[in-house]
Amino acid sequence: MKAITLLTGNGCPACKTLKQRLASEGLLDKVIELNVHESPSGRSMMNSLGVRSIPVLADTSQGKPKTLIGSNQSIEVYKEFIL
């Protein structure tokens, strides 16, 4: 089973958009959301992944983490990444 984390932040329009898109497809409940402004573990994960922008989906279930950055991918791309 995949372990998918969604890194978000306060006041982030792209994060809000992605969360709405994932929720409309029933995918938001399949990820663990970490707010990088409120969660030390979220900030730590962002740093360890070497990413500098949010939102980020991170698959940490196998070896080297895979990431998907931004909110402008097709919903099919997000489905494939999460499921």
PDB file of N, CA and C in Angstrom:
ATOM      1  N   MET A   1       0.833  -1.186   0.000  1.00  0.00           N
ATOM      2  CA  MET A   1       0.000   0.000   0.000  1.00  0.00           C
ATOM      3  C   MET A   1       0.876   1.248   0.000  1.00  0.00           C
ATOM      4  N   LYS A   2       0.473   2.244  -0.776  1.00  0.00           N
ATOM      5  CA  LYS A   2       1.241   3.473  -0.856  1.00  0.00           C
ATOM      6  C   LYS A   2       1.051   4.320   0.391  1.00  0.00           C
ATOM      7  N   ALA A   3       2.097   5.035   0.749  1.00  0.00           N
ATOM      8  CA  ALA A   3       2.048   6.002   1.844  1.00  0.00           C
ATOM      9  C   ALA A   3       2.229   7.377   1.220  1.00  0.00           C
ATOM     10  N   ILE A   4       1.113   8.075   0.999  1.00  0.00           N
ATOM     11  CA  ILE A   4       1.148   9.362   0.304  1.00  0.00           C
ATOM     12  C   ILE A   4       0.908  10.487   1.292  1.00  0.00           C
ATOM     13  N   THR A   5       1.807  11.464   1.274  1.00  0.00           N
ATOM     14  CA  THR A   5       1.686  12.649   2.109  1.00  0.00           C
ATOM     15  C   THR A   5       1.466  13.857   1.216  1.00  0.00           C
ATOM     16  N   LEU A   6       0.538  14.721   1.622  1.00  0.00           N
ATOM     17  CA  LEU A   6       0.284  15.978   0.929  1.00  0.00           C
ATOM     18  C   LEU A   6       0.817  17.100   1.796  1.00  0.00           C
ATOM     19  N   LEU A   7       1.837  17.788   1.307  1.00  0.00           N
ATOM     20  CA  LEU A   7       2.398  18.929   2.019  1.00  0.00           C
ATOM     21  C   LEU A   7       1.690  20.186   1.541  1.00  0.00           C
ATOM     22  N   THR A   8       1.105  20.920   2.492  1.00  0.00           N
ATOM     23  CA  THR A   8       0.368  22.137   2.196  1.00  0.00           C
ATOM     24  C   THR A   8       0.856  23.248   3.107  1.00  0.00           C
ATOM     25  N   GLY A   9       0.265  24.435   2.953  1.00  0.00           N
ATOM     26  CA  GLY A   9       0.626  25.551   3.818  1.00  0.00           C
ATOM     27  C   GLY A   9      -0.506  26.546   3.957  1.00  0.00           C
ATOM     28  N   ASN A  10      -0.384  27.397   4.958  1.00  0.00           N
ATOM     29  CA  ASN A  10      -1.374  28.438   5.203  1.00  0.00           C
ATOM     30  C   ASN A  10      -1.358  29.467   4.074  1.00  0.00           C
ATOM     31  N   GLY A  11      -2.539  29.902   3.654  1.00  0.00           N
ATOM     32  CA  GLY A  11      -2.630  30.958   2.658  1.00  0.00           C
ATOM     33  C   GLY A  11      -2.117  30.576   1.286  1.00  0.00           C
ATOM     34  N   CYS A  12      -2.139  29.314   0.966  1.00  0.00           N
ATOM     35  CA  CYS A  12      -1.608  28.811  -0.309  1.00  0.00           C
ATOM     36  C   CYS A  12      -2.780  28.496  -1.251  1.00  0.00           C
ATOM     37  N   PRO A  13      -3.031  29.351  -2.242  1.00  0.00           N
ATOM     38  CA  PRO A  13      -4.152  29.113  -3.148  1.00  0.00           C
ATOM     39  C   PRO A  13      -4.028  27.790  -3.915  1.00  0.00           C
ATOM     40  N   ALA A  14      -2.828  27.437  -4.320  1.00  0.00           N
ATOM     41  CA  ALA A  14      -2.632  26.182  -5.059  1.00  0.00           C
ATOM     42  C   ALA A  14      -2.933  24.981  -4.168  1.00  0.00           C
ATOM     43  N   CYS A  15      -2.597  25.087  -2.879  1.00  0.00           N
ATOM     44  CA  CYS A  15      -2.897  24.001  -1.935  1.00  0.00           C
ATOM     45  C   CYS A  15      -4.402  23.831  -1.792  1.00  0.00           C
ATOM     46  N   LYS A  16      -5.107  24.944  -1.657  1.00  0.00           N
ATOM     47  CA  LYS A  16      -6.561  24.911  -1.530  1.00  0.00           C
ATOM     48  C   LYS A  16      -7.186  24.292  -2.775  1.00  0.00           C
ATOM     49  N   THR A  17      -6.713  24.688  -3.944  1.00  0.00           N
ATOM     50  CA  THR A  17      -7.222  24.154  -5.207  1.00  0.00           C
ATOM     51  C   THR A  17      -7.005  22.650  -5.297  1.00  0.00           C
ATOM     52  N   LEU A  18      -5.789  22.207  -4.977  1.00  0.00           N
ATOM     53  CA  LEU A  18      -5.495  20.781  -5.066  1.00  0.00           C
ATOM     54  C   LEU A  18      -6.338  19.985  -4.079  1.00  0.00           C
ATOM     55  N   LYS A  19      -6.482  20.478  -2.863  1.00  0.00           N
ATOM     56  CA  LYS A  19      -7.297  19.778  -1.878  1.00  0.00           C
ATOM     57  C   LYS A  19      -8.748  19.660  -2.351  1.00  0.00           C
ATOM     58  N   GLN A  20      -9.287  20.719  -2.950  1.00  0.00           N
ATOM     59  CA  GLN A  20     -10.651  20.671  -3.478  1.00  0.00           C
ATOM     60  C   GLN A  20     -10.769  19.668  -4.613  1.00  0.00           C
ATOM     61  N   ARG A  21      -9.792  19.653  -5.500  1.00  0.00           N
ATOM     62  CA  ARG A  21      -9.808  18.711  -6.624  1.00  0.00           C
ATOM     63  C   ARG A  21      -9.727  17.271  -6.135  1.00  0.00           C
ATOM     64  N   LEU A  22      -8.835  17.016  -5.178  1.00  0.00           N
ATOM     65  CA  LEU A  22      -8.701  15.657  -4.641  1.00  0.00           C
ATOM     66  C   LEU A  22      -9.974  15.239  -3.906  1.00  0.00           C
ATOM     67  N   ALA A  23     -10.559  16.149  -3.139  1.00  0.00           N
ATOM     68  CA  ALA A  23     -11.787  15.847  -2.403  1.00  0.00           C
ATOM     69  C   ALA A  23     -12.930  15.515  -3.362  1.00  0.00           C
ATOM     70  N   SER A  24     -13.037  16.241  -4.464  1.00  0.00           N
ATOM     71  CA  SER A  24     -14.129  16.006  -5.411  1.00  0.00           C
ATOM     72  C   SER A  24     -14.033  14.635  -6.077  1.00  0.00           C
ATOM     73  N   GLU A  25     -12.836  14.052  -6.076  1.00  0.00           N
ATOM     74  CA  GLU A  25     -12.625  12.741  -6.675  1.00  0.00           C
ATOM     75  C   GLU A  25     -12.517  11.636  -5.616  1.00  0.00           C
ATOM     76  N   GLY A  26     -12.727  11.994  -4.348  1.00  0.00           N
ATOM     77  CA  GLY A  26     -12.639  11.011  -3.273  1.00  0.00           C
ATOM     78  C   GLY A  26     -11.222  10.578  -2.959  1.00  0.00           C
ATOM     79  N   LEU A  27     -10.256  11.428  -3.258  1.00  0.00           N
ATOM     80  CA  LEU A  27      -8.850  11.065  -3.055  1.00  0.00           C
ATOM     81  C   LEU A  27      -8.225  11.711  -1.816  1.00  0.00           C
ATOM     82  N   LEU A  28      -8.843  12.768  -1.304  1.00  0.00           N
ATOM     83  CA  LEU A  28      -8.234  13.492  -0.188  1.00  0.00           C
ATOM     84  C   LEU A  28      -8.113  12.621   1.061  1.00  0.00           C
ATOM     85  N   ASP A  29      -9.067  11.711   1.256  1.00  0.00           N
ATOM     86  CA  ASP A  29      -9.001  10.842   2.435  1.00  0.00           C
ATOM     87  C   ASP A  29      -7.979   9.716   2.282  1.00  0.00           C
ATOM     88  N   LYS A  30      -7.309   9.650   1.144  1.00  0.00           N
ATOM     89  CA  LYS A  30      -6.306   8.612   0.915  1.00  0.00           C
ATOM     90  C   LYS A  30      -4.882   9.135   1.131  1.00  0.00           C
ATOM     91  N   VAL A  31      -4.773  10.394   1.527  1.00  0.00           N
ATOM     92  CA  VAL A  31      -3.458  10.989   1.774  1.00  0.00           C
ATOM     93  C   VAL A  31      -3.397  11.519   3.205  1.00  0.00           C
ATOM     94  N   ILE A  32      -2.186  11.687   3.691  1.00  0.00           N
ATOM     95  CA  ILE A  32      -1.953  12.311   4.992  1.00  0.00           C
ATOM     96  C   ILE A  32      -1.510  13.739   4.721  1.00  0.00           C
ATOM     97  N   GLU A  33      -2.277  14.701   5.209  1.00  0.00           N
ATOM     98  CA  GLU A  33      -1.929  16.104   4.983  1.00  0.00           C
ATOM     99  C   GLU A  33      -1.051  16.623   6.108  1.00  0.00           C
ATOM    100  N   LEU A  34       0.036  17.274   5.739  1.00  0.00           N
ATOM    101  CA  LEU A  34       0.906  17.949   6.697  1.00  0.00           C
ATOM    102  C   LEU A  34       1.072  19.398   6.263  1.00  0.00           C
ATOM    103  N   ASN A  35       0.719  20.315   7.142  1.00  0.00           N
ATOM    104  CA  ASN A  35       0.877  21.741   6.881  1.00  0.00           C
ATOM    105  C   ASN A  35       2.300  22.132   7.280  1.00  0.00           C
ATOM    106  N   VAL A  36       3.076  22.600   6.325  1.00  0.00           N
ATOM    107  CA  VAL A  36       4.487  22.898   6.591  1.00  0.00           C
ATOM    108  C   VAL A  36       4.670  24.111   7.496  1.00  0.00           C
ATOM    109  N   HIS A  37       3.629  24.932   7.649  1.00  0.00           N
ATOM    110  CA  HIS A  37       3.710  26.087   8.538  1.00  0.00           C
ATOM    111  C   HIS A  37       3.346  25.733   9.979  1.00  0.00           C
ATOM    112  N   GLU A  38       2.613  24.643  10.157  1.00  0.00           N
ATOM    113  CA  GLU A  38       2.132  24.270  11.491  1.00  0.00           C
ATOM    114  C   GLU A  38       2.746  22.979  12.031  1.00  0.00           C
ATOM    115  N   SER A  39       3.306  22.165  11.171  1.00  0.00           N
ATOM    116  CA  SER A  39       3.815  20.859  11.577  1.00  0.00           C
ATOM    117  C   SER A  39       5.330  20.780  11.386  1.00  0.00           C
ATOM    118  N   PRO A  40       6.083  20.616  12.477  1.00  0.00           N
ATOM    119  CA  PRO A  40       7.529  20.437  12.329  1.00  0.00           C
ATOM    120  C   PRO A  40       7.874  19.243  11.428  1.00  0.00           C
ATOM    121  N   SER A  41       7.079  18.181  11.492  1.00  0.00           N
ATOM    122  CA  SER A  41       7.364  17.029  10.631  1.00  0.00           C
ATOM    123  C   SER A  41       7.086  17.358   9.170  1.00  0.00           C
ATOM    124  N   GLY A  42       6.120  18.229   8.910  1.00  0.00           N
ATOM    125  CA  GLY A  42       5.863  18.665   7.533  1.00  0.00           C
ATOM    126  C   GLY A  42       7.026  19.467   6.979  1.00  0.00           C
ATOM    127  N   ARG A  43       7.533  20.378   7.783  1.00  0.00           N
ATOM    128  CA  ARG A  43       8.690  21.198   7.375  1.00  0.00           C
ATOM    129  C   ARG A  43       9.913  20.307   7.175  1.00  0.00           C
ATOM    130  N   SER A  44      10.106  19.362   8.076  1.00  0.00           N
ATOM    131  CA  SER A  44      11.234  18.447   7.971  1.00  0.00           C
ATOM    132  C   SER A  44      11.153  17.614   6.697  1.00  0.00           C
ATOM    133  N   MET A  45       9.961  17.126   6.392  1.00  0.00           N
ATOM    134  CA  MET A  45       9.795  16.329   5.174  1.00  0.00           C
ATOM    135  C   MET A  45      10.077  17.177   3.940  1.00  0.00           C
ATOM    136  N   MET A  46       9.590  18.407   3.937  1.00  0.00           N
ATOM    137  CA  MET A  46       9.831  19.300   2.806  1.00  0.00           C
ATOM    138  C   MET A  46      11.333  19.488   2.595  1.00  0.00           C
ATOM    139  N   ASN A  47      12.057  19.714   3.689  1.00  0.00           N
ATOM    140  CA  ASN A  47      13.506  19.895   3.600  1.00  0.00           C
ATOM    141  C   ASN A  47      14.203  18.624   3.127  1.00  0.00           C
ATOM    142  N   SER A  48      13.795  17.479   3.655  1.00  0.00           N
ATOM    143  CA  SER A  48      14.457  16.231   3.269  1.00  0.00           C
ATOM    144  C   SER A  48      14.186  15.860   1.815  1.00  0.00           C
ATOM    145  N   LEU A  49      13.019  16.269   1.296  1.00  0.00           N
ATOM    146  CA  LEU A  49      12.712  16.015  -0.112  1.00  0.00           C
ATOM    147  C   LEU A  49      13.420  16.999  -1.039  1.00  0.00           C
ATOM    148  N   GLY A  50      13.891  18.102  -0.467  1.00  0.00           N
ATOM    149  CA  GLY A  50      14.583  19.110  -1.263  1.00  0.00           C
ATOM    150  C   GLY A  50      13.648  19.945  -2.110  1.00  0.00           C
ATOM    151  N   VAL A  51      12.389  20.050  -1.703  1.00  0.00           N
ATOM    152  CA  VAL A  51      11.438  20.871  -2.463  1.00  0.00           C
ATOM    153  C   VAL A  51      11.298  22.228  -1.796  1.00  0.00           C
ATOM    154  N   ARG A  52      10.976  23.221  -2.612  1.00  0.00           N
ATOM    155  CA  ARG A  52      10.896  24.583  -2.096  1.00  0.00           C
ATOM    156  C   ARG A  52       9.534  25.224  -2.327  1.00  0.00           C
ATOM    157  N   SER A  53       8.612  24.472  -2.888  1.00  0.00           N
ATOM    158  CA  SER A  53       7.278  25.020  -3.111  1.00  0.00           C
ATOM    159  C   SER A  53       6.225  23.984  -2.748  1.00  0.00           C
ATOM    160  N   ILE A  54       5.023  24.457  -2.490  1.00  0.00           N
ATOM    161  CA  ILE A  54       3.906  23.597  -2.143  1.00  0.00           C
ATOM    162  C   ILE A  54       2.750  23.940  -3.068  1.00  0.00           C
ATOM    163  N   PRO A  55       1.821  23.062  -3.271  1.00  0.00           N
ATOM    164  CA  PRO A  55       1.642  21.758  -2.652  1.00  0.00           C
ATOM    165  C   PRO A  55       2.556  20.690  -3.260  1.00  0.00           C
ATOM    166  N   VAL A  56       2.832  19.677  -2.448  1.00  0.00           N
ATOM    167  CA  VAL A  56       3.645  18.548  -2.883  1.00  0.00           C
ATOM    168  C   VAL A  56       2.976  17.262  -2.421  1.00  0.00           C
ATOM    169  N   LEU A  57       2.825  16.332  -3.333  1.00  0.00           N
ATOM    170  CA  LEU A  57       2.435  14.966  -2.968  1.00  0.00           C
ATOM    171  C   LEU A  57       3.715  14.150  -2.928  1.00  0.00           C
ATOM    172  N   ALA A  58       3.905  13.415  -1.855  1.00  0.00           N
ATOM    173  CA  ALA A  58       5.113  12.597  -1.707  1.00  0.00           C
ATOM    174  C   ALA A  58       4.730  11.157  -1.420  1.00  0.00           C
ATOM    175  N   ASP A  59       5.280  10.247  -2.211  1.00  0.00           N
ATOM    176  CA  ASP A  59       5.086   8.809  -2.006  1.00  0.00           C
ATOM    177  C   ASP A  59       6.342   8.281  -1.338  1.00  0.00           C
ATOM    178  N   THR A  60       6.213   7.930  -0.067  1.00  0.00           N
ATOM    179  CA  THR A  60       7.367   7.475   0.709  1.00  0.00           C
ATOM    180  C   THR A  60       7.299   5.983   1.007  1.00  0.00           C
ATOM    181  N   SER A  61       6.521   5.258   0.209  1.00  0.00           N
ATOM    182  CA  SER A  61       6.299   3.847   0.518  1.00  0.00           C
ATOM    183  C   SER A  61       7.422   2.922   0.066  1.00  0.00           C
ATOM    184  N   GLN A  62       8.250   3.355  -0.879  1.00  0.00           N
ATOM    185  CA  GLN A  62       9.301   2.469  -1.376  1.00  0.00           C
ATOM    186  C   GLN A  62      10.581   3.249  -1.628  1.00  0.00           C
ATOM    187  N   GLY A  63      11.607   2.903  -0.897  1.00  0.00           N
ATOM    188  CA  GLY A  63      12.926   3.475  -1.160  1.00  0.00           C
ATOM    189  C   GLY A  63      12.933   4.980  -1.270  1.00  0.00           C
ATOM    190  N   LYS A  64      13.519   5.469  -2.361  1.00  0.00           N
ATOM    191  CA  LYS A  64      13.621   6.907  -2.582  1.00  0.00           C
ATOM    192  C   LYS A  64      12.229   7.488  -2.823  1.00  0.00           C
ATOM    193  N   PRO A  65      11.860   8.534  -2.074  1.00  0.00           N
ATOM    194  CA  PRO A  65      10.531   9.129  -2.236  1.00  0.00           C
ATOM    195  C   PRO A  65      10.322   9.704  -3.636  1.00  0.00           C
ATOM    196  N   LYS A  66       9.103   9.580  -4.121  1.00  0.00           N
ATOM    197  CA  LYS A  66       8.701  10.180  -5.390  1.00  0.00           C
ATOM    198  C   LYS A  66       7.829  11.372  -5.054  1.00  0.00           C
ATOM    199  N   THR A  67       7.943  12.443  -5.839  1.00  0.00           N
ATOM    200  CA  THR A  67       7.148  13.633  -5.572  1.00  0.00           C
ATOM    201  C   THR A  67       6.388  14.072  -6.811  1.00  0.00           C
ATOM    202  N   LEU A  68       5.288  14.748  -6.550  1.00  0.00           N
ATOM    203  CA  LEU A  68       4.476  15.382  -7.586  1.00  0.00           C
ATOM    204  C   LEU A  68       4.175  16.775  -7.047  1.00  0.00           C
ATOM    205  N   ILE A  69       4.670  17.787  -7.733  1.00  0.00           N
ATOM    206  CA  ILE A  69       4.596  19.157  -7.234  1.00  0.00           C
ATOM    207  C   ILE A  69       3.563  19.953  -8.018  1.00  0.00           C
ATOM    208  N   GLY A  70       2.790  20.762  -7.302  1.00  0.00           N
ATOM    209  CA  GLY A  70       1.846  21.682  -7.927  1.00  0.00           C
ATOM    210  C   GLY A  70       0.425  21.160  -7.959  1.00  0.00           C
ATOM    211  N   SER A  71      -0.462  22.016  -8.466  1.00  0.00           N
ATOM    212  CA  SER A  71      -1.890  21.689  -8.490  1.00  0.00           C
ATOM    213  C   SER A  71      -2.467  21.674  -9.893  1.00  0.00           C
ATOM    214  N   ASN A  72      -1.609  21.758 -10.912  1.00  0.00           N
ATOM    215  CA  ASN A  72      -2.107  21.927 -12.274  1.00  0.00           C
ATOM    216  C   ASN A  72      -2.035  20.668 -13.141  1.00  0.00           C
ATOM    217  N   GLN A  73      -1.801  19.516 -12.541  1.00  0.00           N
ATOM    218  CA  GLN A  73      -1.795  18.263 -13.304  1.00  0.00           C
ATOM    219  C   GLN A  73      -3.242  17.825 -13.571  1.00  0.00           C
ATOM    220  N   SER A  74      -3.414  16.948 -14.528  1.00  0.00           N
ATOM    221  CA  SER A  74      -4.754  16.399 -14.750  1.00  0.00           C
ATOM    222  C   SER A  74      -5.116  15.513 -13.567  1.00  0.00           C
ATOM    223  N   ILE A  75      -6.385  15.376 -13.305  1.00  0.00           N
ATOM    224  CA  ILE A  75      -6.828  14.555 -12.177  1.00  0.00           C
ATOM    225  C   ILE A  75      -6.386  13.113 -12.363  1.00  0.00           C
ATOM    226  N   GLU A  76      -6.234  12.680 -13.592  1.00  0.00           N
ATOM    227  CA  GLU A  76      -5.764  11.317 -13.868  1.00  0.00           C
ATOM    228  C   GLU A  76      -4.343  11.112 -13.355  1.00  0.00           C
ATOM    229  N   VAL A  77      -3.511  12.128 -13.470  1.00  0.00           N
ATOM    230  CA  VAL A  77      -2.135  12.040 -12.964  1.00  0.00           C
ATOM    231  C   VAL A  77      -2.154  11.872 -11.447  1.00  0.00           C
ATOM    232  N   TYR A  78      -3.012  12.627 -10.776  1.00  0.00           N
ATOM    233  CA  TYR A  78      -3.108  12.514  -9.321  1.00  0.00           C
ATOM    234  C   TYR A  78      -3.662  11.147  -8.906  1.00  0.00           C
ATOM    235  N   LYS A  79      -4.648  10.664  -9.623  1.00  0.00           N
ATOM    236  CA  LYS A  79      -5.215   9.343  -9.320  1.00  0.00           C
ATOM    237  C   LYS A  79      -4.137   8.271  -9.422  1.00  0.00           C
ATOM    238  N   GLU A  80      -3.379   8.315 -10.505  1.00  0.00           N
ATOM    239  CA  GLU A  80      -2.330   7.302 -10.701  1.00  0.00           C
ATOM    240  C   GLU A  80      -1.276   7.387  -9.599  1.00  0.00           C
ATOM    241  N   PHE A  81      -0.931   8.602  -9.194  1.00  0.00           N
ATOM    242  CA  PHE A  81       0.085   8.782  -8.161  1.00  0.00           C
ATOM    243  C   PHE A  81      -0.406   8.278  -6.812  1.00  0.00           C
ATOM    244  N   ILE A  82      -1.664   8.544  -6.485  1.00  0.00           N
ATOM    245  CA  ILE A  82      -2.204   8.216  -5.170  1.00  0.00           C
ATOM    246  C   ILE A  82      -2.641   6.757  -5.059  1.00  0.00           C
ATOM    247  N   LEU A  83      -3.257   6.245  -6.098  1.00  0.00           N
ATOM    248  CA  LEU A  83      -3.840   4.890  -6.002  1.00  0.00           C
ATOM    249  C   LEU A  83      -2.881   3.804  -6.391  1.00  0.00           C
TER     250      LEU A  83
END
